[in-house]
Amino acid sequence: MFVLAVTGGLGAGKSTAAAFFASRGAEVLDADAIAKALLEPDAPAYAPVVARFGQGVLAEDGRIDRRALAAAAFGDPRSSADLDAIVHPLVTREIERVLDGLAARAVPPAVVVIDVPLLAEAPELVDLVDLVLLITAPEDVRLSRVARRGGMSEKDARARLARQLPQEDRRALANAEIVNAGDEAALQEALASFWTREVEPRVS
């Protein structure tokens, strides 16, 4: 079972890459979805997050309001680090548990892709994978993509980009990089080339 991590900052094209690999038959694990599930009531991250950030991060139904949590956690580096210290180890543990389950199947998947935007912030995940692919793009291109998707203002997008670690930190963990500065067709072509060059020889 070959395990590939796909990482990249906001608007770089990481999710498109993960979808491409899924179309090639890879089993995809979404680290963001796992983190979200861990914040549900009775899930492991819920109590420590509420204890650290207070009742103000809760919605009326008692669930954690992710926007309120983001506002509370990302206002300063220490708060952000505190949230990372709670959530990232739990995400790593859950991904390890899922990988163990996949490996124990009668017929394990040939390729597992972990879609993980914050790999540089949780480098312990690198120990669980065989290869790390970094998807990058210039900041202006990334902001343009986020604006086209909607759901986030340019101000919020810039603030979120500013909170993410520099590309150099991501490159330090990556084995391969695709620069996604063009259109989706160019990215698909680059991904197909990467699959043929880096993945197929390891699973054939």
C-alpha atoms as a PDB file:
ATOM      1  CA  MET A   1       0.000   0.000   0.000  1.00  0.00           C
ATOM      2  CA  PHE A   2       1.606   3.220  -1.230  1.00  0.00           C
ATOM      3  CA  VAL A   3       0.716   6.314   0.830  1.00  0.00           C
ATOM      4  CA  LEU A   4       0.990   9.744  -0.779  1.00  0.00           C
ATOM      5  CA  ALA A   5       0.474  13.057   1.035  1.00  0.00           C
ATOM      6  CA  VAL A   6      -0.750  15.969  -1.079  1.00  0.00           C
ATOM      7  CA  THR A   7      -0.235  19.355   0.519  1.00  0.00           C
ATOM      8  CA  GLY A   8      -0.428  23.008  -0.463  1.00  0.00           C
ATOM      9  CA  GLY A   9      -1.717  26.341   0.698  1.00  0.00           C
ATOM     10  CA  LEU A  10      -5.083  27.963   0.160  1.00  0.00           C
ATOM     11  CA  GLY A  11      -6.002  28.121  -3.539  1.00  0.00           C
ATOM     12  CA  ALA A  12      -2.963  26.172  -4.734  1.00  0.00           C
ATOM     13  CA  GLY A  13      -4.986  23.334  -6.282  1.00  0.00           C
ATOM     14  CA  LYS A  14      -4.447  20.612  -3.714  1.00  0.00           C
ATOM     15  CA  SER A  15      -8.076  19.480  -3.679  1.00  0.00           C
ATOM     16  CA  THR A  16      -8.093  19.244  -7.477  1.00  0.00           C
ATOM     17  CA  ALA A  17      -5.009  17.059  -7.223  1.00  0.00           C
ATOM     18  CA  ALA A  18      -6.655  14.801  -4.648  1.00  0.00           C
ATOM     19  CA  ALA A  19      -9.716  14.449  -6.895  1.00  0.00           C
ATOM     20  CA  PHE A  20      -7.453  13.523  -9.814  1.00  0.00           C
ATOM     21  CA  PHE A  21      -5.805  10.761  -7.797  1.00  0.00           C
ATOM     22  CA  ALA A  22      -9.216   9.497  -6.699  1.00  0.00           C
ATOM     23  CA  SER A  23     -10.145   9.225 -10.383  1.00  0.00           C
ATOM     24  CA  ARG A  24      -7.118   6.964 -10.814  1.00  0.00           C
ATOM     25  CA  GLY A  25      -8.429   4.638  -8.123  1.00  0.00           C
ATOM     26  CA  ALA A  26      -6.648   6.006  -5.051  1.00  0.00           C
ATOM     27  CA  GLU A  27      -8.362   5.966  -1.660  1.00  0.00           C
ATOM     28  CA  VAL A  28      -8.427   9.586  -0.461  1.00  0.00           C
ATOM     29  CA  LEU A  29      -8.375  10.677   3.183  1.00  0.00           C
ATOM     30  CA  ASP A  30      -9.344  14.303   3.822  1.00  0.00           C
ATOM     31  CA  ALA A  31      -7.419  15.642   6.831  1.00  0.00           C
ATOM     32  CA  ASP A  32      -9.687  18.703   7.071  1.00  0.00           C
ATOM     33  CA  ALA A  33     -12.789  16.494   7.255  1.00  0.00           C
ATOM     34  CA  ILE A  34     -11.118  14.401   9.945  1.00  0.00           C
ATOM     35  CA  ALA A  35     -10.263  17.525  11.947  1.00  0.00           C
ATOM     36  CA  LYS A  36     -13.844  18.748  11.612  1.00  0.00           C
ATOM     37  CA  ALA A  37     -15.197  15.415  12.885  1.00  0.00           C
ATOM     38  CA  LEU A  38     -12.851  15.559  15.863  1.00  0.00           C
ATOM     39  CA  LEU A  39     -14.465  18.857  16.923  1.00  0.00           C
ATOM     40  CA  GLU A  40     -17.953  17.363  17.186  1.00  0.00           C
ATOM     41  CA  PRO A  41     -19.466  16.973  20.672  1.00  0.00           C
ATOM     42  CA  ASP A  42     -18.136  13.825  22.380  1.00  0.00           C
ATOM     43  CA  ALA A  43     -15.229  13.677  19.902  1.00  0.00           C
ATOM     44  CA  PRO A  44     -11.722  13.901  21.382  1.00  0.00           C
ATOM     45  CA  ALA A  45     -10.922  17.516  20.461  1.00  0.00           C
ATOM     46  CA  TYR A  46     -14.203  19.033  21.649  1.00  0.00           C
ATOM     47  CA  ALA A  47     -13.620  19.315  25.399  1.00  0.00           C
ATOM     48  CA  PRO A  48     -10.010  20.559  25.279  1.00  0.00           C
ATOM     49  CA  VAL A  49     -10.864  23.143  22.602  1.00  0.00           C
ATOM     50  CA  VAL A  50     -13.802  24.498  24.604  1.00  0.00           C
ATOM     51  CA  ALA A  51     -11.692  24.491  27.777  1.00  0.00           C
ATOM     52  CA  ARG A  52      -8.991  26.512  26.012  1.00  0.00           C
ATOM     53  CA  PHE A  53     -11.119  28.943  23.999  1.00  0.00           C
ATOM     54  CA  GLY A  54     -14.287  29.208  26.073  1.00  0.00           C
ATOM     55  CA  GLN A  55     -18.025  29.043  25.544  1.00  0.00           C
ATOM     56  CA  GLY A  56     -17.815  31.838  22.986  1.00  0.00           C
ATOM     57  CA  VAL A  57     -16.764  29.361  20.302  1.00  0.00           C
ATOM     58  CA  LEU A  58     -19.998  27.382  20.668  1.00  0.00           C
ATOM     59  CA  ALA A  59     -23.087  27.721  18.495  1.00  0.00           C
ATOM     60  CA  GLU A  60     -26.573  27.648  19.988  1.00  0.00           C
ATOM     61  CA  ASP A  61     -26.813  23.883  19.459  1.00  0.00           C
ATOM     62  CA  GLY A  62     -23.666  23.303  21.527  1.00  0.00           C
ATOM     63  CA  ARG A  63     -21.461  22.437  18.582  1.00  0.00           C
ATOM     64  CA  ILE A  64     -18.234  24.298  17.950  1.00  0.00           C
ATOM     65  CA  ASP A  65     -18.757  27.176  15.519  1.00  0.00           C
ATOM     66  CA  ARG A  66     -15.696  26.880  13.294  1.00  0.00           C
ATOM     67  CA  ARG A  67     -15.799  30.547  12.288  1.00  0.00           C
ATOM     68  CA  ALA A  68     -15.927  31.634  15.914  1.00  0.00           C
ATOM     69  CA  LEU A  69     -13.103  29.235  16.712  1.00  0.00           C
ATOM     70  CA  ALA A  70     -11.016  30.591  13.845  1.00  0.00           C
ATOM     71  CA  ALA A  71     -11.585  34.153  15.075  1.00  0.00           C
ATOM     72  CA  ALA A  72     -10.548  33.157  18.602  1.00  0.00           C
ATOM     73  CA  ALA A  73      -7.594  30.983  17.625  1.00  0.00           C
ATOM     74  CA  PHE A  74      -6.007  32.915  14.785  1.00  0.00           C
ATOM     75  CA  GLY A  75      -5.897  36.312  16.431  1.00  0.00           C
ATOM     76  CA  ASP A  76      -2.387  35.725  17.728  1.00  0.00           C
ATOM     77  CA  PRO A  77       0.357  33.130  17.195  1.00  0.00           C
ATOM     78  CA  ARG A  78       0.114  31.660  20.698  1.00  0.00           C
ATOM     79  CA  SER A  79      -3.615  30.915  20.395  1.00  0.00           C
ATOM     80  CA  SER A  80      -3.076  29.393  16.967  1.00  0.00           C
ATOM     81  CA  ALA A  81      -0.278  27.219  18.336  1.00  0.00           C
ATOM     82  CA  ASP A  82      -2.524  26.114  21.190  1.00  0.00           C
ATOM     83  CA  LEU A  83      -5.222  24.983  18.747  1.00  0.00           C
ATOM     84  CA  ASP A  84      -2.646  23.157  16.624  1.00  0.00           C
ATOM     85  CA  ALA A  85      -1.297  21.418  19.727  1.00  0.00           C
ATOM     86  CA  ILE A  86      -4.779  20.100  20.528  1.00  0.00           C
ATOM     87  CA  VAL A  87      -5.989  19.130  17.055  1.00  0.00           C
ATOM     88  CA  HIS A  88      -2.963  18.041  15.027  1.00  0.00           C
ATOM     89  CA  PRO A  89      -1.875  15.091  17.213  1.00  0.00           C
ATOM     90  CA  LEU A  90      -5.460  13.813  17.217  1.00  0.00           C
ATOM     91  CA  VAL A  91      -5.689  14.107  13.429  1.00  0.00           C
ATOM     92  CA  THR A  92      -2.403  12.229  13.067  1.00  0.00           C
ATOM     93  CA  ARG A  93      -3.615   9.493  15.413  1.00  0.00           C
ATOM     94  CA  GLU A  94      -6.903   9.139  13.518  1.00  0.00           C
ATOM     95  CA  ILE A  95      -5.162   9.001  10.139  1.00  0.00           C
ATOM     96  CA  GLU A  96      -2.809   6.336  11.496  1.00  0.00           C
ATOM     97  CA  ARG A  97      -5.820   4.353  12.722  1.00  0.00           C
ATOM     98  CA  VAL A  98      -7.533   4.596   9.330  1.00  0.00           C
ATOM     99  CA  LEU A  99      -4.353   3.593   7.488  1.00  0.00           C
ATOM    100  CA  ASP A 100      -3.989   0.560   9.744  1.00  0.00           C
ATOM    101  CA  GLY A 101      -7.562  -0.413   8.931  1.00  0.00           C
ATOM    102  CA  LEU A 102      -6.984  -0.048   5.195  1.00  0.00           C
ATOM    103  CA  ALA A 103      -3.789  -2.103   5.366  1.00  0.00           C
ATOM    104  CA  ALA A 104      -5.649  -4.855   7.234  1.00  0.00           C
ATOM    105  CA  ARG A 105      -8.229  -5.293   4.463  1.00  0.00           C
ATOM    106  CA  ALA A 106      -8.166  -8.568   2.547  1.00  0.00           C
ATOM    107  CA  VAL A 107      -7.287  -6.451  -0.492  1.00  0.00           C
ATOM    108  CA  PRO A 108      -5.731  -3.166   0.657  1.00  0.00           C
ATOM    109  CA  PRO A 109      -5.926  -0.205  -1.726  1.00  0.00           C
ATOM    110  CA  ALA A 110      -2.852   0.080  -3.915  1.00  0.00           C
ATOM    111  CA  VAL A 111      -2.634   3.841  -3.346  1.00  0.00           C
ATOM    112  CA  VAL A 112      -3.861   5.982  -0.449  1.00  0.00           C
ATOM    113  CA  VAL A 113      -3.761   9.771  -0.788  1.00  0.00           C
ATOM    114  CA  ILE A 114      -3.911  12.005   2.275  1.00  0.00           C
ATOM    115  CA  ASP A 115      -5.225  15.464   1.377  1.00  0.00           C
ATOM    116  CA  VAL A 116      -3.516  17.530   4.076  1.00  0.00           C
ATOM    117  CA  PRO A 117      -3.187  21.304   3.675  1.00  0.00           C
ATOM    118  CA  LEU A 118      -1.271  21.887   6.918  1.00  0.00           C
ATOM    119  CA  LEU A 119       1.401  19.216   6.644  1.00  0.00           C
ATOM    120  CA  ALA A 120       4.156  21.681   7.528  1.00  0.00           C
ATOM    121  CA  GLU A 121       2.254  22.548  10.711  1.00  0.00           C
ATOM    122  CA  ALA A 122       1.884  18.839  11.579  1.00  0.00           C
ATOM    123  CA  PRO A 123       5.147  17.303  10.321  1.00  0.00           C
ATOM    124  CA  GLU A 124       4.619  14.118  12.348  1.00  0.00           C
ATOM    125  CA  LEU A 125       2.273  13.052   9.535  1.00  0.00           C
ATOM    126  CA  VAL A 126       5.302  12.698   7.256  1.00  0.00           C
ATOM    127  CA  ASP A 127       6.253   9.538   9.139  1.00  0.00           C
ATOM    128  CA  LEU A 128       3.009   7.915   7.942  1.00  0.00           C
ATOM    129  CA  VAL A 129       3.558   8.462   4.212  1.00  0.00           C
ATOM    130  CA  ASP A 130       5.888   7.254   1.482  1.00  0.00           C
ATOM    131  CA  LEU A 131       5.964  10.431  -0.597  1.00  0.00           C
ATOM    132  CA  VAL A 132       4.925  14.077  -0.204  1.00  0.00           C
ATOM    133  CA  LEU A 133       3.678  16.062  -3.200  1.00  0.00           C
ATOM    134  CA  LEU A 134       3.500  19.843  -2.818  1.00  0.00           C
ATOM    135  CA  ILE A 135       1.132  21.849  -5.027  1.00  0.00           C
ATOM    136  CA  THR A 136       2.111  25.524  -5.252  1.00  0.00           C
ATOM    137  CA  ALA A 137       0.986  28.648  -7.092  1.00  0.00           C
ATOM    138  CA  PRO A 138       1.845  32.362  -6.941  1.00  0.00           C
ATOM    139  CA  GLU A 139      -0.083  34.261  -4.281  1.00  0.00           C
ATOM    140  CA  ASP A 140      -1.993  36.436  -6.753  1.00  0.00           C
ATOM    141  CA  VAL A 141      -3.161  33.331  -8.619  1.00  0.00           C
ATOM    142  CA  ARG A 142      -4.261  31.690  -5.369  1.00  0.00           C
ATOM    143  CA  LEU A 143      -6.210  34.780  -4.280  1.00  0.00           C
ATOM    144  CA  SER A 144      -7.920  34.927  -7.668  1.00  0.00           C
ATOM    145  CA  ARG A 145      -8.997  31.287  -7.373  1.00  0.00           C
ATOM    146  CA  VAL A 146     -10.359  31.805  -3.869  1.00  0.00           C
ATOM    147  CA  ALA A 147     -12.324  34.851  -5.075  1.00  0.00           C
ATOM    148  CA  ARG A 148     -13.828  32.862  -7.972  1.00  0.00           C
ATOM    149  CA  ARG A 149     -14.894  30.070  -5.604  1.00  0.00           C
ATOM    150  CA  GLY A 150     -16.689  32.542  -3.344  1.00  0.00           C
ATOM    151  CA  GLY A 151     -17.406  32.073   0.332  1.00  0.00           C
ATOM    152  CA  MET A 152     -14.384  34.095   1.480  1.00  0.00           C
ATOM    153  CA  SER A 153     -13.562  37.776   1.068  1.00  0.00           C
ATOM    154  CA  GLU A 154     -10.175  38.847  -0.264  1.00  0.00           C
ATOM    155  CA  LYS A 155      -9.374  40.304   3.164  1.00  0.00           C
ATOM    156  CA  ASP A 156     -10.127  36.975   4.867  1.00  0.00           C
ATOM    157  CA  ALA A 157      -8.198  35.070   2.214  1.00  0.00           C
ATOM    158  CA  ARG A 158      -5.149  37.296   2.656  1.00  0.00           C
ATOM    159  CA  ALA A 159      -5.349  36.925   6.432  1.00  0.00           C
ATOM    160  CA  ARG A 160      -5.548  33.158   6.102  1.00  0.00           C
ATOM    161  CA  LEU A 161      -2.605  33.062   3.700  1.00  0.00           C
ATOM    162  CA  ALA A 162      -0.598  35.191   6.128  1.00  0.00           C
ATOM    163  CA  ARG A 163      -1.224  32.640   8.913  1.00  0.00           C
ATOM    164  CA  GLN A 164       0.021  29.728   6.838  1.00  0.00           C
ATOM    165  CA  LEU A 165       3.680  28.780   6.946  1.00  0.00           C
ATOM    166  CA  PRO A 166       5.937  29.963   4.091  1.00  0.00           C
ATOM    167  CA  GLN A 167       6.376  27.809   0.993  1.00  0.00           C
ATOM    168  CA  GLU A 168       9.963  27.123   2.051  1.00  0.00           C
ATOM    169  CA  ASP A 169       8.684  25.229   5.098  1.00  0.00           C
ATOM    170  CA  ARG A 170       6.435  23.125   2.863  1.00  0.00           C
ATOM    171  CA  ARG A 171       9.251  22.470   0.389  1.00  0.00           C
ATOM    172  CA  ALA A 172      11.454  21.200   3.194  1.00  0.00           C
ATOM    173  CA  LEU A 173       9.037  18.291   3.686  1.00  0.00           C
ATOM    174  CA  ALA A 174       8.185  17.621   0.040  1.00  0.00           C
ATOM    175  CA  ASN A 175       9.667  15.021  -2.292  1.00  0.00           C
ATOM    176  CA  ALA A 176       8.071  16.528  -5.394  1.00  0.00           C
ATOM    177  CA  GLU A 177       6.444  19.813  -6.385  1.00  0.00           C
ATOM    178  CA  ILE A 178       3.970  20.865  -9.050  1.00  0.00           C
ATOM    179  CA  VAL A 179       3.648  24.581  -9.774  1.00  0.00           C
ATOM    180  CA  ASN A 180      -0.002  25.188 -10.640  1.00  0.00           C
ATOM    181  CA  ALA A 181       0.185  28.631 -12.218  1.00  0.00           C
ATOM    182  CA  GLY A 182      -1.924  27.860 -15.302  1.00  0.00           C
ATOM    183  CA  ASP A 183      -5.364  26.481 -16.012  1.00  0.00           C
ATOM    184  CA  GLU A 184      -6.870  23.216 -14.787  1.00  0.00           C
ATOM    185  CA  ALA A 185      -5.949  21.385 -17.994  1.00  0.00           C
ATOM    186  CA  ALA A 186      -2.271  22.146 -17.356  1.00  0.00           C
ATOM    187  CA  LEU A 187      -2.574  20.900 -13.786  1.00  0.00           C
ATOM    188  CA  GLN A 188      -4.271  17.697 -14.931  1.00  0.00           C
ATOM    189  CA  GLU A 189      -1.440  17.105 -17.398  1.00  0.00           C
ATOM    190  CA  ALA A 190       1.182  17.665 -14.695  1.00  0.00           C
ATOM    191  CA  LEU A 191      -0.647  15.326 -12.328  1.00  0.00           C
ATOM    192  CA  ALA A 192      -0.892  12.620 -14.984  1.00  0.00           C
ATOM    193  CA  SER A 193       2.841  12.905 -15.583  1.00  0.00           C
ATOM    194  CA  PHE A 194       3.535  12.702 -11.839  1.00  0.00           C
ATOM    195  CA  TRP A 195       1.297   9.626 -11.518  1.00  0.00           C
ATOM    196  CA  THR A 196       3.103   7.858 -14.364  1.00  0.00           C
ATOM    197  CA  ARG A 197       6.561   8.826 -13.126  1.00  0.00           C
ATOM    198  CA  GLU A 198       6.248   8.536  -9.344  1.00  0.00           C
ATOM    199  CA  VAL A 199       3.226   6.400  -8.438  1.00  0.00           C
ATOM    200  CA  GLU A 200       2.790   3.680 -11.040  1.00  0.00           C
ATOM    201  CA  PRO A 201       6.354   2.299 -10.650  1.00  0.00           C
ATOM    202  CA  ARG A 202       5.738   1.864  -6.913  1.00  0.00           C
ATOM    203  CA  VAL A 203       2.497  -0.069  -7.261  1.00  0.00           C
ATOM    204  CA  SER A 204       3.025  -2.099 -10.429  1.00  0.00           C
END
